[in-house]
Amino acid sequence: FRRVLFRSERGVAFTQAFSASPEMIPSHAALLTGCDPGLVNQPLPPGVVAPFAPERRSLLPENAPSLAAEFLGEGFATTCFADHAWLAPDVGFFRGFERFDEFAGGLELDEEDIGASRLGRRLFSWVRSLGRDRDWFAYLQINDLERGLHHAGEGLGRRFEPRPELDEVPPVVEAQRAFFAVPSALWPGGQRTVGEYEATYDELLRRLDEKLGRMFARLDALGHDELTICIVGTYGMGFGESGLYLDHGTLSDVDLHVPVLISLPASTTLERGVLSDSLVSTIDLAPTLLEVVGLPQAPWMHGHSQVPALRDPEGPPVREACFSTGGVSAGFAVHRSEEHTSELQ
């Protein structure tokens, strides 16, 4: 990711960024609302059935802030391309999007017909249909890494060799979620060491990096010089560091410390080509993107715009602490320093 964004010195990478939640629905709720996910999620109404595990059955309230709705209200065309069935309109994610493309693929499709490749094609088709003078906002949720790790075959090659010290073969159990074992639902088959899982993930990451590079190159070719691109990891993936294998949901840095990279438009007066150690929560990205394009922060968003950190990377941090909530323990984590020392409860 860094290679793609920094090749023209047009990107800013935040090295001390933390997800507001280690779970899928709450983490995306934080990104799309700019709010603490524990406050913007509410139980489904009585009688409403959602096709998710019980702990995922939550709904974004209609009066929650919406990044997409803010852009739509200013005349932007808006669309969402989802790559996982849980990111669905039923949970309230459709608000503010004129178009919402739900995930509609299986697990056995060719990698060019699913994930980043497919979403990229849909994005370009949509952008071309708008014309060059229309402002637009697109939200792409790309699930290549998690899907590929859980269902990877032996055809990924051996570009990355497993680390010898990771020669443990974790057991496989029938539980839906397990510590120090791989749940059968996440097991890709075969007897693999932790090092082999890690090497597979590294190769999947390399391939995703190439796909994103091609996507950005095509956007460049369309002549969108004023495009702002934000890449963010929603949560991490564990290889035993916090007790989970091929899974997420703990309040450790493994699951919460995520990459945040922003490529700024050509006309910006903000600093580019820098690394920022300003402390960032993923709830900050909604107000940050609004300010970057000259729009006011929506009322009731909990996040803080990181534009001051973009304007002066060496200046004081925007926030002194950020919080993460939920996960397996249903607790919270507080991140306070640039060394990302955390307090868990």
Protein backbone atom coordinates (compact mmCIF):
# COMPACT_ATOMS: atom_id res chain seq x y z
CA PHE A 1 0.00 0.00 0.00
CA ARG A 2 2.78 2.38 0.87
CA ARG A 3 4.46 1.76 -2.51
CA VAL A 4 1.25 2.65 -4.36
CA LEU A 5 0.42 5.84 -2.48
CA PHE A 6 3.92 7.21 -2.08
CA ARG A 7 5.18 6.69 -5.63
CA SER A 8 4.05 10.26 -6.45
CA GLU A 9 4.51 11.57 -2.91
CA ARG A 10 0.82 12.24 -2.73
CA GLY A 11 -0.09 10.14 0.30
CA VAL A 12 -0.13 10.47 4.06
CA ALA A 13 0.17 7.34 6.18
CA PHE A 14 -0.94 7.31 9.81
CA THR A 15 1.21 4.87 11.77
CA GLN A 16 -0.76 5.08 15.04
CA ALA A 17 -4.28 4.26 13.86
CA PHE A 18 -6.70 1.99 15.72
CA SER A 19 -9.99 0.41 14.75
CA ALA A 20 -12.98 1.34 16.89
CA SER A 21 -13.94 -2.34 17.00
CA PRO A 22 -12.39 -5.73 16.16
CA GLU A 23 -15.66 -6.99 14.62
CA MET A 24 -16.98 -6.55 11.09
CA ILE A 25 -20.34 -4.80 11.47
CA PRO A 26 -19.28 -2.43 14.29
CA SER A 27 -16.02 -1.53 12.53
CA HIS A 28 -17.83 -0.53 9.35
CA ALA A 29 -20.46 1.29 11.41
CA ALA A 30 -17.66 3.40 12.88
CA LEU A 31 -16.28 4.22 9.43
CA LEU A 32 -19.64 5.12 7.90
CA THR A 33 -21.03 7.12 10.83
CA GLY A 34 -17.98 8.64 12.53
CA CYS A 35 -19.43 7.37 15.82
CA ASP A 36 -18.47 4.92 18.51
CA PRO A 37 -19.93 1.63 17.22
CA GLY A 38 -21.34 0.71 20.62
CA LEU A 39 -23.61 3.75 20.48
CA VAL A 40 -24.78 3.54 16.88
CA ASN A 41 -25.71 -0.14 16.99
CA GLN A 42 -29.02 -1.23 18.41
CA PRO A 43 -30.81 -4.62 18.58
CA LEU A 44 -33.07 -5.64 15.73
CA PRO A 45 -36.78 -5.00 16.38
CA PRO A 46 -38.85 -7.93 17.66
CA GLY A 47 -39.84 -10.33 14.90
CA VAL A 48 -37.09 -9.23 12.51
CA VAL A 49 -34.76 -12.08 11.61
CA ALA A 50 -31.27 -11.47 10.24
CA PRO A 51 -29.15 -14.22 8.65
CA PHE A 52 -26.22 -13.57 10.97
CA ALA A 53 -24.80 -15.09 14.11
CA PRO A 54 -26.59 -13.77 17.23
CA GLU A 55 -23.73 -11.47 18.23
CA ARG A 56 -23.90 -9.80 14.79
CA ARG A 57 -27.63 -9.03 14.93
CA SER A 58 -27.54 -5.28 15.25
CA LEU A 59 -28.98 -2.35 13.37
CA LEU A 60 -27.80 1.18 12.65
CA PRO A 61 -30.50 3.57 13.88
CA GLU A 62 -32.03 5.85 11.28
CA ASN A 63 -30.97 9.00 13.12
CA ALA A 64 -27.28 8.02 13.29
CA PRO A 65 -24.90 10.27 11.32
CA SER A 66 -24.07 9.00 7.85
CA LEU A 67 -20.96 9.88 5.85
CA ALA A 68 -22.67 8.84 2.61
CA ALA A 69 -25.76 10.95 3.42
CA GLU A 70 -23.55 14.00 3.99
CA PHE A 71 -22.01 13.60 0.55
CA LEU A 72 -25.37 12.86 -1.05
CA GLY A 73 -26.86 16.00 0.47
CA GLU A 74 -24.11 18.06 -1.18
CA GLY A 75 -24.92 16.67 -4.63
CA PHE A 76 -22.37 13.85 -4.76
CA ALA A 77 -23.26 10.59 -6.48
CA THR A 78 -22.85 7.81 -3.88
CA THR A 79 -22.38 4.07 -4.13
CA CYS A 80 -21.29 1.14 -1.98
CA PHE A 81 -19.74 -2.08 -3.30
CA ALA A 82 -19.79 -4.76 -0.58
CA ASP A 83 -17.63 -7.88 -0.59
CA HIS A 84 -19.16 -9.68 2.39
CA ALA A 85 -22.75 -10.74 3.03
CA TRP A 86 -22.80 -9.14 6.50
CA LEU A 87 -22.32 -5.66 5.08
CA ALA A 88 -25.93 -5.47 3.97
CA PRO A 89 -28.78 -2.95 3.66
CA ASP A 90 -30.74 -4.96 6.24
CA VAL A 91 -28.39 -3.70 8.95
CA GLY A 92 -28.83 -0.05 7.96
CA PHE A 93 -25.71 0.39 5.83
CA PHE A 94 -27.73 1.57 2.82
CA ARG A 95 -28.42 5.06 4.22
CA GLY A 96 -27.03 7.76 1.97
CA PHE A 97 -26.15 5.44 -0.91
CA GLU A 98 -28.00 5.88 -4.18
CA ARG A 99 -26.67 2.49 -5.21
CA PHE A 100 -25.78 -0.41 -2.89
CA ASP A 101 -24.26 -3.50 -4.51
CA GLU A 102 -24.49 -6.38 -2.07
CA PHE A 103 -22.09 -9.30 -2.09
CA ALA A 104 -23.40 -11.90 -4.51
CA GLY A 105 -20.57 -14.38 -4.99
CA GLY A 106 -19.64 -17.80 -3.73
CA LEU A 107 -16.32 -18.97 -2.40
CA GLU A 108 -15.30 -21.07 -5.40
CA LEU A 109 -15.27 -18.27 -7.97
CA ASP A 110 -12.09 -17.34 -9.81
CA GLU A 111 -10.26 -14.51 -8.01
CA GLU A 112 -10.86 -12.23 -11.00
CA ASP A 113 -14.63 -12.64 -10.54
CA ILE A 114 -14.69 -11.75 -6.87
CA GLY A 115 -13.14 -9.28 -4.46
CA ALA A 116 -10.97 -6.33 -5.52
CA SER A 117 -10.90 -7.26 -9.20
CA ARG A 118 -14.67 -7.46 -9.50
CA LEU A 119 -15.30 -4.38 -7.38
CA GLY A 120 -12.77 -2.42 -9.42
CA ARG A 121 -14.58 -3.23 -12.66
CA ARG A 122 -17.92 -2.22 -11.16
CA LEU A 123 -16.42 1.01 -9.82
CA PHE A 124 -15.00 2.05 -13.19
CA SER A 125 -18.23 1.26 -14.99
CA TRP A 126 -20.12 3.42 -12.48
CA VAL A 127 -17.61 6.31 -12.58
CA ARG A 128 -17.65 6.41 -16.39
CA SER A 129 -21.45 6.56 -16.34
CA LEU A 130 -21.35 9.75 -14.25
CA GLY A 131 -19.37 11.96 -16.56
CA ARG A 132 -16.28 13.99 -15.67
CA ASP A 133 -18.08 16.90 -13.99
CA ARG A 134 -19.97 14.91 -11.33
CA ASP A 135 -18.58 14.66 -7.81
CA TRP A 136 -18.83 11.18 -6.34
CA PHE A 137 -18.23 9.12 -3.21
CA ALA A 138 -17.67 5.36 -3.38
CA TYR A 139 -17.25 2.97 -0.44
CA LEU A 140 -15.53 -0.29 -1.36
CA GLN A 141 -15.35 -3.08 1.20
CA ILE A 142 -12.72 -5.57 -0.01
CA ASN A 143 -12.57 -8.98 1.67
CA ASP A 144 -9.77 -10.59 -0.36
CA LEU A 145 -7.42 -11.20 2.57
CA GLU A 146 -9.84 -12.91 4.93
CA ARG A 147 -11.58 -14.90 2.21
CA GLY A 148 -8.32 -15.96 0.63
CA LEU A 149 -6.80 -17.07 3.92
CA HIS A 150 -9.79 -19.21 4.85
CA HIS A 151 -10.17 -20.81 1.43
CA ALA A 152 -6.69 -20.72 -0.09
CA GLY A 153 -5.58 -23.78 -2.02
CA GLU A 154 -2.02 -24.76 -2.82
CA GLY A 155 -1.74 -22.62 -5.95
CA LEU A 156 -0.42 -19.43 -4.35
CA GLY A 157 3.22 -20.30 -4.89
CA ARG A 158 6.12 -20.11 -2.45
CA ARG A 159 7.23 -16.49 -2.81
CA PHE A 160 7.23 -16.21 0.97
CA GLU A 161 8.84 -19.00 2.99
CA PRO A 162 7.33 -19.89 6.39
CA ARG A 163 9.36 -18.73 9.36
CA PRO A 164 10.98 -21.78 11.02
CA GLU A 165 10.08 -20.56 14.51
CA LEU A 166 6.38 -20.75 13.58
CA ASP A 167 6.38 -24.53 13.11
CA GLU A 168 3.43 -25.21 15.42
CA VAL A 169 0.39 -26.87 13.82
CA PRO A 170 -2.70 -25.49 15.61
CA PRO A 171 -5.50 -27.97 16.30
CA VAL A 172 -8.85 -27.71 14.52
CA VAL A 173 -12.01 -27.70 16.65
CA GLU A 174 -15.74 -27.64 15.98
CA ALA A 175 -16.38 -24.56 18.11
CA GLN A 176 -17.60 -21.41 16.38
CA ARG A 177 -14.80 -19.44 18.01
CA ALA A 178 -11.83 -20.83 19.89
CA PHE A 179 -8.62 -19.72 21.52
CA PHE A 180 -5.39 -21.57 20.68
CA ALA A 181 -7.19 -23.59 17.98
CA VAL A 182 -8.60 -23.04 14.49
CA PRO A 183 -12.43 -23.20 14.31
CA SER A 184 -13.47 -25.67 11.61
CA ALA A 185 -15.47 -22.93 9.83
CA LEU A 186 -12.20 -21.02 9.26
CA TRP A 187 -9.99 -24.03 8.49
CA PRO A 188 -8.85 -24.12 4.83
CA GLY A 189 -8.03 -27.82 5.04
CA GLY A 190 -4.78 -29.71 5.37
CA GLN A 191 -2.22 -29.77 8.13
CA ARG A 192 -0.54 -26.37 8.14
CA THR A 193 1.85 -24.68 10.48
CA VAL A 194 1.31 -21.15 11.75
CA GLY A 195 4.25 -20.13 9.53
CA GLU A 196 2.50 -21.54 6.46
CA TYR A 197 -0.67 -19.63 7.31
CA GLU A 198 1.40 -16.46 7.70
CA ALA A 199 3.23 -17.00 4.40
CA THR A 200 -0.11 -17.50 2.64
CA TYR A 201 -1.39 -14.25 4.13
CA ASP A 202 1.75 -12.41 2.98
CA GLU A 203 1.19 -13.64 -0.58
CA LEU A 204 -2.47 -12.65 -0.47
CA LEU A 205 -1.44 -9.20 0.75
CA ARG A 206 1.07 -8.87 -2.10
CA ARG A 207 -1.62 -9.78 -4.64
CA LEU A 208 -4.08 -7.32 -3.14
CA ASP A 209 -1.41 -4.62 -3.28
CA GLU A 210 -1.00 -5.29 -7.01
CA LYS A 211 -4.76 -5.18 -7.59
CA LEU A 212 -5.07 -1.87 -5.75
CA GLY A 213 -2.13 -0.52 -7.72
CA ARG A 214 -3.92 -1.36 -10.98
CA MET A 215 -7.14 0.17 -9.65
CA PHE A 216 -5.42 3.46 -8.79
CA ALA A 217 -3.60 3.51 -12.12
CA ARG A 218 -6.93 3.21 -13.94
CA LEU A 219 -8.36 6.02 -11.84
CA ASP A 220 -5.34 8.14 -12.80
CA ALA A 221 -6.02 7.35 -16.45
CA LEU A 222 -9.56 8.70 -16.09
CA GLY A 223 -8.05 12.09 -15.28
CA HIS A 224 -9.49 12.50 -11.79
CA ASP A 225 -6.75 14.72 -10.37
CA GLU A 226 -8.96 15.89 -7.50
CA LEU A 227 -9.60 12.38 -6.22
CA THR A 228 -9.14 11.64 -2.52
CA ILE A 229 -8.47 7.99 -1.70
CA CYS A 230 -8.56 6.56 1.82
CA ILE A 231 -7.36 3.02 2.51
CA VAL A 232 -8.05 1.63 5.97
CA GLY A 233 -7.87 -1.77 7.57
CA THR A 234 -11.08 -2.52 9.43
CA TYR A 235 -9.33 -4.85 11.91
CA GLY A 236 -6.35 -7.17 12.12
CA MET A 237 -5.93 -10.92 11.68
CA GLY A 238 -4.42 -13.13 14.38
CA PHE A 239 -1.83 -15.88 13.99
CA GLY A 240 -1.83 -16.85 17.64
CA GLU A 241 -0.49 -13.58 19.07
CA SER A 242 -3.68 -12.95 21.04
CA GLY A 243 -4.76 -16.58 21.22
CA LEU A 244 -6.79 -16.58 18.00
CA TYR A 245 -5.75 -18.16 14.71
CA LEU A 246 -7.12 -16.88 11.37
CA ASP A 247 -9.62 -14.83 13.35
CA HIS A 248 -10.22 -11.47 14.99
CA GLY A 249 -12.23 -10.09 17.87
CA THR A 250 -9.77 -9.41 20.69
CA LEU A 251 -8.89 -6.01 22.10
CA SER A 252 -5.17 -6.50 21.53
CA ASP A 253 -3.05 -4.49 19.09
CA VAL A 254 -3.07 -7.50 16.77
CA ASP A 255 -6.74 -6.85 16.03
CA LEU A 256 -6.92 -3.09 16.58
CA HIS A 257 -3.74 -1.51 15.17
CA VAL A 258 -4.62 -0.91 11.51
CA PRO A 259 -3.16 0.91 8.49
CA VAL A 260 -4.70 4.23 7.43
CA LEU A 261 -3.44 5.83 4.22
CA ILE A 262 -4.89 8.88 2.49
CA SER A 263 -4.01 10.01 -1.02
CA LEU A 264 -4.84 13.69 -1.36
CA PRO A 265 -6.08 15.63 -4.40
CA ALA A 266 -3.62 17.52 -6.61
CA SER A 267 -4.85 20.96 -5.53
CA THR A 268 -4.49 20.34 -1.79
CA THR A 269 -2.38 22.63 0.37
CA LEU A 270 -1.95 19.87 2.95
CA GLU A 271 1.36 18.06 3.42
CA ARG A 272 1.90 14.95 1.28
CA GLY A 273 4.43 12.17 1.15
CA VAL A 274 4.76 11.95 4.94
CA LEU A 275 4.29 9.51 7.79
CA SER A 276 2.22 10.86 10.66
CA ASP A 277 2.32 9.45 14.20
CA SER A 278 -0.80 11.39 15.18
CA LEU A 279 -3.12 9.10 17.15
CA VAL A 280 -6.11 8.16 14.97
CA SER A 281 -9.35 6.28 15.57
CA THR A 282 -11.33 4.96 12.62
CA ILE A 283 -14.24 7.13 13.78
CA ASP A 284 -12.03 10.09 12.75
CA LEU A 285 -12.05 9.20 9.06
CA ALA A 286 -15.61 10.37 8.30
CA PRO A 287 -15.05 13.94 9.60
CA THR A 288 -11.56 13.95 8.06
CA LEU A 289 -12.83 13.15 4.56
CA LEU A 290 -15.61 15.72 4.88
CA GLU A 291 -13.13 18.47 5.77
CA VAL A 292 -10.66 17.44 3.06
CA VAL A 293 -13.32 18.13 0.41
CA GLY A 294 -14.49 21.33 2.12
CA LEU A 295 -17.63 20.10 3.86
CA PRO A 296 -18.50 20.69 7.55
CA GLN A 297 -18.45 17.84 10.04
CA ALA A 298 -21.90 16.33 10.47
CA PRO A 299 -23.61 16.96 13.82
CA TRP A 300 -23.24 14.22 16.44
CA MET A 301 -20.18 12.56 14.91
CA HIS A 302 -17.86 11.52 17.73
CA GLY A 303 -14.69 11.50 15.62
CA HIS A 304 -12.19 14.34 15.22
CA SER A 305 -11.00 15.53 11.83
CA GLN A 306 -7.32 14.70 11.32
CA VAL A 307 -6.86 17.58 8.86
CA PRO A 308 -4.76 19.52 11.44
CA ALA A 309 -2.36 16.54 11.44
CA LEU A 310 -2.35 16.56 7.63
CA ARG A 311 -1.69 20.29 7.64
CA ASP A 312 1.20 20.03 10.11
CA PRO A 313 2.51 16.46 10.58
CA GLU A 314 5.00 17.66 13.18
CA GLY A 315 2.36 19.53 15.18
CA PRO A 316 0.49 18.40 18.29
CA PRO A 317 -1.73 15.32 17.96
CA VAL A 318 -5.42 15.83 17.27
CA ARG A 319 -6.42 13.52 20.11
CA GLU A 320 -4.75 12.31 23.32
CA ALA A 321 -6.56 8.97 23.43
CA CYS A 322 -8.91 6.80 21.40
CA PHE A 323 -11.16 3.91 22.34
CA SER A 324 -12.12 0.54 20.94
CA THR A 325 -15.12 -1.45 22.12
CA GLY A 326 -16.74 -4.85 21.74
CA GLY A 327 -15.11 -8.04 20.55
CA VAL A 328 -15.00 -11.46 22.18
CA SER A 329 -14.67 -10.00 25.68
CA ALA A 330 -17.27 -7.23 25.08
CA GLY A 331 -14.93 -4.82 26.85
CA PHE A 332 -12.97 -1.77 25.79
CA ALA A 333 -9.41 -0.68 25.05
CA VAL A 334 -7.87 2.78 25.50
CA HIS A 335 -4.95 3.81 23.29
CA ARG A 336 -2.96 6.71 24.67
CA SER A 337 0.56 7.10 23.35
CA GLU A 338 2.49 6.98 20.09
CA GLU A 339 3.92 3.68 21.31
CA HIS A 340 0.26 2.55 21.31
CA THR A 341 0.31 1.41 24.93
CA SER A 342 -3.20 0.15 25.63
CA GLU A 343 -5.38 -0.34 28.68
CA LEU A 344 -7.81 -3.24 28.47
CA GLN A 345 -10.87 -4.04 30.54
